Amino acid sequence: MTRIDRLTFPYPAALYRGDGSGVAVVHRQVAIDAGPSWAKVIEPGGGIGPGFVYLQYHSGDVAVFAVDGTASDEPPAQTQLDPRLRALGEYFESADADEARRSDSASGAKRRADLAAIRAATFVVTAHADGRRWSVEIGPAVGSSTQLVLRSDAGDVRLMDTTAPRERLEQARTTTVPIEATEMVNRRFGFGTGRRASTVQLTLGPAEEPAEGAE
């Protein structure tokens, strides 16, 4: 067997997450699409540091593992169980570093815009259910359904979905609004446990303003 850092790496490639975090330029031992490969990092980026990595295709992406250059080049039987390897995540791969940078930048900008839209469409109201008061985070609508995240003062968290119209949910910012929501709860039957949908009646209302003079 040969040490990884004594191999030759003639095939350039670029790895990126597609979230705007940057591009790592590597030189592979074998060409792109030719199968798993050891690679030398030429330009770190996107969460990949200097040194050497092992690249393995996984569901169309490339699973990347950091490896010490002094390790043997024997191919790993199972990457997740190989003590030489440390998983870094899954990446897109391109033979063109400049194209990879453009794709990563564009994808990162879209991801930031999507997150900003989600934040803009999310608001907090209160709810009364089961004799308790809850803080309710209302997320953006997905199709005809909207997810509700309920949190109590005691730290309890409940996830629910509602098909109430968006306009009705928005009204809860300024006035009380009764709605129905669905919550998955545990049930016990026969020889085991399972989950079932339970309908919950909620009364939504404006989030309480801090008391005057409170910090």
Protein backbone atom coordinates (compact mmCIF):
# COMPACT_ATOMS: atom_id res chain seq x y z
CA MET A 1 0.00 0.00 0.00
CA THR A 2 1.03 3.63 -0.60
CA ARG A 3 0.59 6.69 1.57
CA ILE A 4 -2.12 8.99 0.22
CA ASP A 5 0.22 11.98 0.11
CA ARG A 6 2.53 10.07 -2.23
CA LEU A 7 -0.10 9.47 -4.89
CA THR A 8 -0.45 11.54 -8.05
CA PHE A 9 -3.51 13.74 -8.53
CA PRO A 10 -3.79 14.83 -12.18
CA TYR A 11 -7.55 15.55 -12.45
CA PRO A 12 -8.85 18.98 -11.30
CA ALA A 13 -12.35 19.39 -9.85
CA ALA A 14 -14.34 21.80 -7.72
CA LEU A 15 -16.65 20.99 -4.80
CA TYR A 16 -19.38 23.26 -3.40
CA ARG A 17 -22.45 23.02 -1.18
CA GLY A 18 -24.61 25.39 -3.19
CA ASP A 19 -25.28 27.65 -0.21
CA GLY A 20 -22.83 30.44 -0.96
CA SER A 21 -20.23 29.15 1.51
CA GLY A 22 -17.50 28.88 -1.11
CA VAL A 23 -15.77 26.42 -3.40
CA ALA A 24 -12.97 23.95 -2.72
CA VAL A 25 -10.64 23.24 -5.63
CA VAL A 26 -9.19 19.73 -5.52
CA HIS A 27 -7.07 17.46 -7.70
CA ARG A 28 -8.46 13.93 -7.93
CA GLN A 29 -6.58 10.68 -8.32
CA VAL A 30 -9.12 9.54 -10.92
CA ALA A 31 -11.27 11.59 -13.27
CA ILE A 32 -14.72 12.92 -12.42
CA ASP A 33 -17.41 10.25 -12.93
CA ALA A 34 -14.77 7.50 -12.87
CA GLY A 35 -15.74 6.38 -9.36
CA PRO A 36 -14.52 7.03 -5.80
CA SER A 37 -11.24 8.86 -5.53
CA TRP A 38 -8.65 10.21 -3.14
CA ALA A 39 -8.04 13.91 -3.77
CA LYS A 40 -5.67 16.67 -2.71
CA VAL A 41 -7.16 20.01 -1.65
CA ILE A 42 -5.58 22.83 -3.66
CA GLU A 43 -7.85 25.67 -2.50
CA PRO A 44 -9.90 25.13 0.70
CA GLY A 45 -13.48 26.35 0.80
CA GLY A 46 -17.07 25.46 1.55
CA GLY A 47 -16.17 23.68 4.79
CA ILE A 48 -13.32 21.68 3.23
CA GLY A 49 -9.94 22.48 4.77
CA PRO A 50 -6.40 21.94 3.49
CA GLY A 51 -5.01 18.42 3.15
CA PHE A 52 -6.58 15.38 1.54
CA VAL A 53 -10.09 14.04 1.10
CA TYR A 54 -11.89 10.94 -0.10
CA LEU A 55 -14.73 11.42 -2.60
CA GLN A 56 -17.58 8.97 -3.05
CA TYR A 57 -20.70 9.41 -5.14
CA HIS A 58 -23.95 9.28 -3.20
CA SER A 59 -27.43 9.82 -4.69
CA GLY A 60 -26.07 12.07 -7.42
CA ASP A 61 -23.94 14.16 -5.06
CA VAL A 62 -20.42 13.61 -3.75
CA ALA A 63 -19.87 12.55 -0.15
CA VAL A 64 -16.62 14.11 1.07
CA PHE A 65 -14.43 12.74 3.86
CA ALA A 66 -11.30 14.32 5.32
CA VAL A 67 -8.28 12.00 5.62
CA ASP A 68 -4.71 12.30 6.88
CA GLY A 69 -2.21 12.26 4.03
CA THR A 70 -0.05 9.74 5.88
CA ALA A 71 -2.84 7.14 5.82
CA SER A 72 -2.81 4.12 3.52
CA ASP A 73 -4.48 4.48 0.11
CA GLU A 74 -6.35 1.18 0.54
CA PRO A 75 -9.95 1.84 -0.59
CA PRO A 76 -12.38 1.98 2.34
CA ALA A 77 -14.84 -0.92 2.59
CA GLN A 78 -17.42 1.24 4.40
CA THR A 79 -16.71 4.95 4.58
CA GLN A 80 -18.78 5.54 7.73
CA LEU A 81 -16.87 2.86 9.63
CA ASP A 82 -13.38 3.60 8.34
CA PRO A 83 -11.33 5.19 11.17
CA ARG A 84 -9.19 7.07 8.63
CA LEU A 85 -12.13 9.14 7.41
CA ARG A 86 -14.08 12.05 8.88
CA ALA A 87 -17.32 12.98 7.12
CA LEU A 88 -17.60 16.58 5.88
CA GLY A 89 -20.96 16.30 4.13
CA GLU A 90 -22.32 16.11 0.62
CA TYR A 91 -21.29 18.44 -2.18
CA PHE A 92 -21.91 19.23 -5.82
CA GLU A 93 -18.94 18.60 -8.10
CA SER A 94 -17.84 20.38 -11.26
CA ALA A 95 -14.87 20.14 -13.58
CA ASP A 96 -14.94 23.95 -13.95
CA ALA A 97 -14.03 25.91 -10.82
CA ASP A 98 -15.32 29.22 -12.21
CA GLU A 99 -18.67 27.65 -13.07
CA ALA A 100 -18.79 26.13 -9.59
CA ARG A 101 -18.22 29.56 -8.05
CA ARG A 102 -21.02 31.08 -10.15
CA SER A 103 -23.40 28.27 -9.24
CA ASP A 104 -22.55 28.47 -5.54
CA SER A 105 -22.99 32.24 -5.49
CA ALA A 106 -26.34 32.11 -7.34
CA SER A 107 -27.64 29.27 -5.16
CA GLY A 108 -26.52 31.08 -2.02
CA ALA A 109 -28.30 34.27 -3.07
CA LYS A 110 -31.53 32.33 -3.76
CA ARG A 111 -31.26 30.52 -0.43
CA ARG A 112 -30.84 33.83 1.43
CA ALA A 113 -33.83 35.28 -0.43
CA ASP A 114 -35.93 32.21 0.43
CA LEU A 115 -34.97 32.46 4.11
CA ALA A 116 -35.80 36.16 4.12
CA ALA A 117 -39.21 35.39 2.61
CA ILE A 118 -39.85 32.75 5.29
CA ARG A 119 -38.88 35.18 8.05
CA ALA A 120 -41.12 37.86 6.55
CA ALA A 121 -44.08 35.44 6.40
CA THR A 122 -43.61 34.22 9.99
CA PHE A 123 -45.24 35.96 12.94
CA VAL A 124 -46.12 35.25 16.57
CA VAL A 125 -49.50 35.40 18.28
CA THR A 126 -50.92 33.80 21.41
CA ALA A 127 -53.35 30.93 21.81
CA HIS A 128 -55.51 29.43 24.53
CA ALA A 129 -55.91 25.67 24.38
CA ASP A 130 -56.57 23.00 27.00
CA GLY A 131 -56.86 25.70 29.66
CA ARG A 132 -53.34 27.01 29.03
CA ARG A 133 -51.82 30.01 27.30
CA TRP A 134 -49.33 29.38 24.49
CA SER A 135 -47.06 31.47 22.31
CA VAL A 136 -47.73 30.49 18.68
CA GLU A 137 -45.28 30.90 15.82
CA ILE A 138 -47.18 30.87 12.53
CA GLY A 139 -45.06 30.01 9.53
CA PRO A 140 -45.65 30.59 5.81
CA ALA A 141 -48.43 28.64 4.11
CA VAL A 142 -47.43 25.53 2.18
CA GLY A 143 -50.23 24.78 -0.22
CA SER A 144 -53.44 24.86 1.83
CA SER A 145 -51.72 24.10 5.15
CA THR A 146 -49.85 26.23 7.68
CA GLN A 147 -47.65 24.93 10.48
CA LEU A 148 -48.09 26.24 14.01
CA VAL A 149 -45.40 25.92 16.68
CA LEU A 150 -46.88 26.29 20.16
CA ARG A 151 -44.65 26.99 23.17
CA SER A 152 -45.77 27.27 26.78
CA ASP A 153 -44.14 29.24 29.59
CA ALA A 154 -43.08 25.88 31.05
CA GLY A 155 -41.08 25.05 27.91
CA ASP A 156 -43.53 22.59 26.35
CA VAL A 157 -43.59 22.54 22.52
CA ARG A 158 -46.43 21.31 20.30
CA LEU A 159 -46.50 21.14 16.49
CA MET A 160 -49.80 21.56 14.69
CA ASP A 161 -51.12 22.17 11.19
CA THR A 162 -54.15 24.16 10.17
CA THR A 163 -56.04 24.70 6.93
CA ALA A 164 -57.53 27.98 8.21
CA PRO A 165 -57.31 30.68 5.51
CA ARG A 166 -54.23 32.87 5.71
CA GLU A 167 -56.34 36.01 6.08
CA ARG A 168 -57.96 34.52 9.18
CA LEU A 169 -54.59 33.72 10.73
CA GLU A 170 -53.38 37.25 9.96
CA GLN A 171 -56.42 38.65 11.80
CA ALA A 172 -55.08 37.12 15.02
CA ARG A 173 -52.43 39.84 15.10
CA THR A 174 -55.14 42.32 16.15
CA THR A 175 -58.16 40.35 17.41
CA THR A 176 -59.16 36.95 18.78
CA VAL A 177 -59.82 34.30 16.14
CA PRO A 178 -61.07 30.73 16.75
CA ILE A 179 -59.57 28.07 14.46
CA GLU A 180 -59.20 24.31 14.20
CA ALA A 181 -55.77 22.67 14.02
CA THR A 182 -54.51 19.11 13.74
CA GLU A 183 -51.92 17.59 16.04
CA MET A 184 -50.30 14.17 15.84
CA VAL A 185 -50.53 12.43 19.22
CA ASN A 186 -49.49 9.05 20.57
CA ARG A 187 -52.03 6.29 20.83
CA ARG A 188 -51.82 2.79 22.23
CA PHE A 189 -53.53 -0.17 20.66
CA GLY A 190 -53.29 -3.94 20.67
CA PHE A 191 -49.65 -4.85 20.45
CA GLY A 192 -47.78 -1.59 20.16
CA THR A 193 -47.98 2.15 19.82
CA GLY A 194 -48.73 4.51 16.97
CA ARG A 195 -49.73 8.05 16.09
CA ARG A 196 -53.08 9.53 15.22
CA ALA A 197 -54.33 12.93 14.15
CA SER A 198 -56.22 14.85 16.82
CA THR A 199 -58.31 17.96 16.15
CA VAL A 200 -57.64 20.84 18.54
CA GLN A 201 -59.72 23.99 19.01
CA LEU A 202 -57.54 27.09 19.36
CA THR A 203 -58.38 30.70 20.06
CA LEU A 204 -55.63 32.85 18.59
CA GLY A 205 -55.06 36.44 19.62
CA PRO A 206 -52.51 39.25 19.54
CA ALA A 207 -49.13 38.70 21.16
CA GLU A 208 -49.09 40.53 24.46
CA GLU A 209 -47.14 43.76 24.57
CA PRO A 210 -44.50 44.12 27.32
CA ALA A 211 -45.76 45.90 30.42
CA GLU A 212 -44.96 49.61 30.49
CA GLY A 213 -41.53 50.20 31.94
CA ALA A 214 -40.44 46.55 31.43
CA GLU A 215 -37.06 45.99 29.84
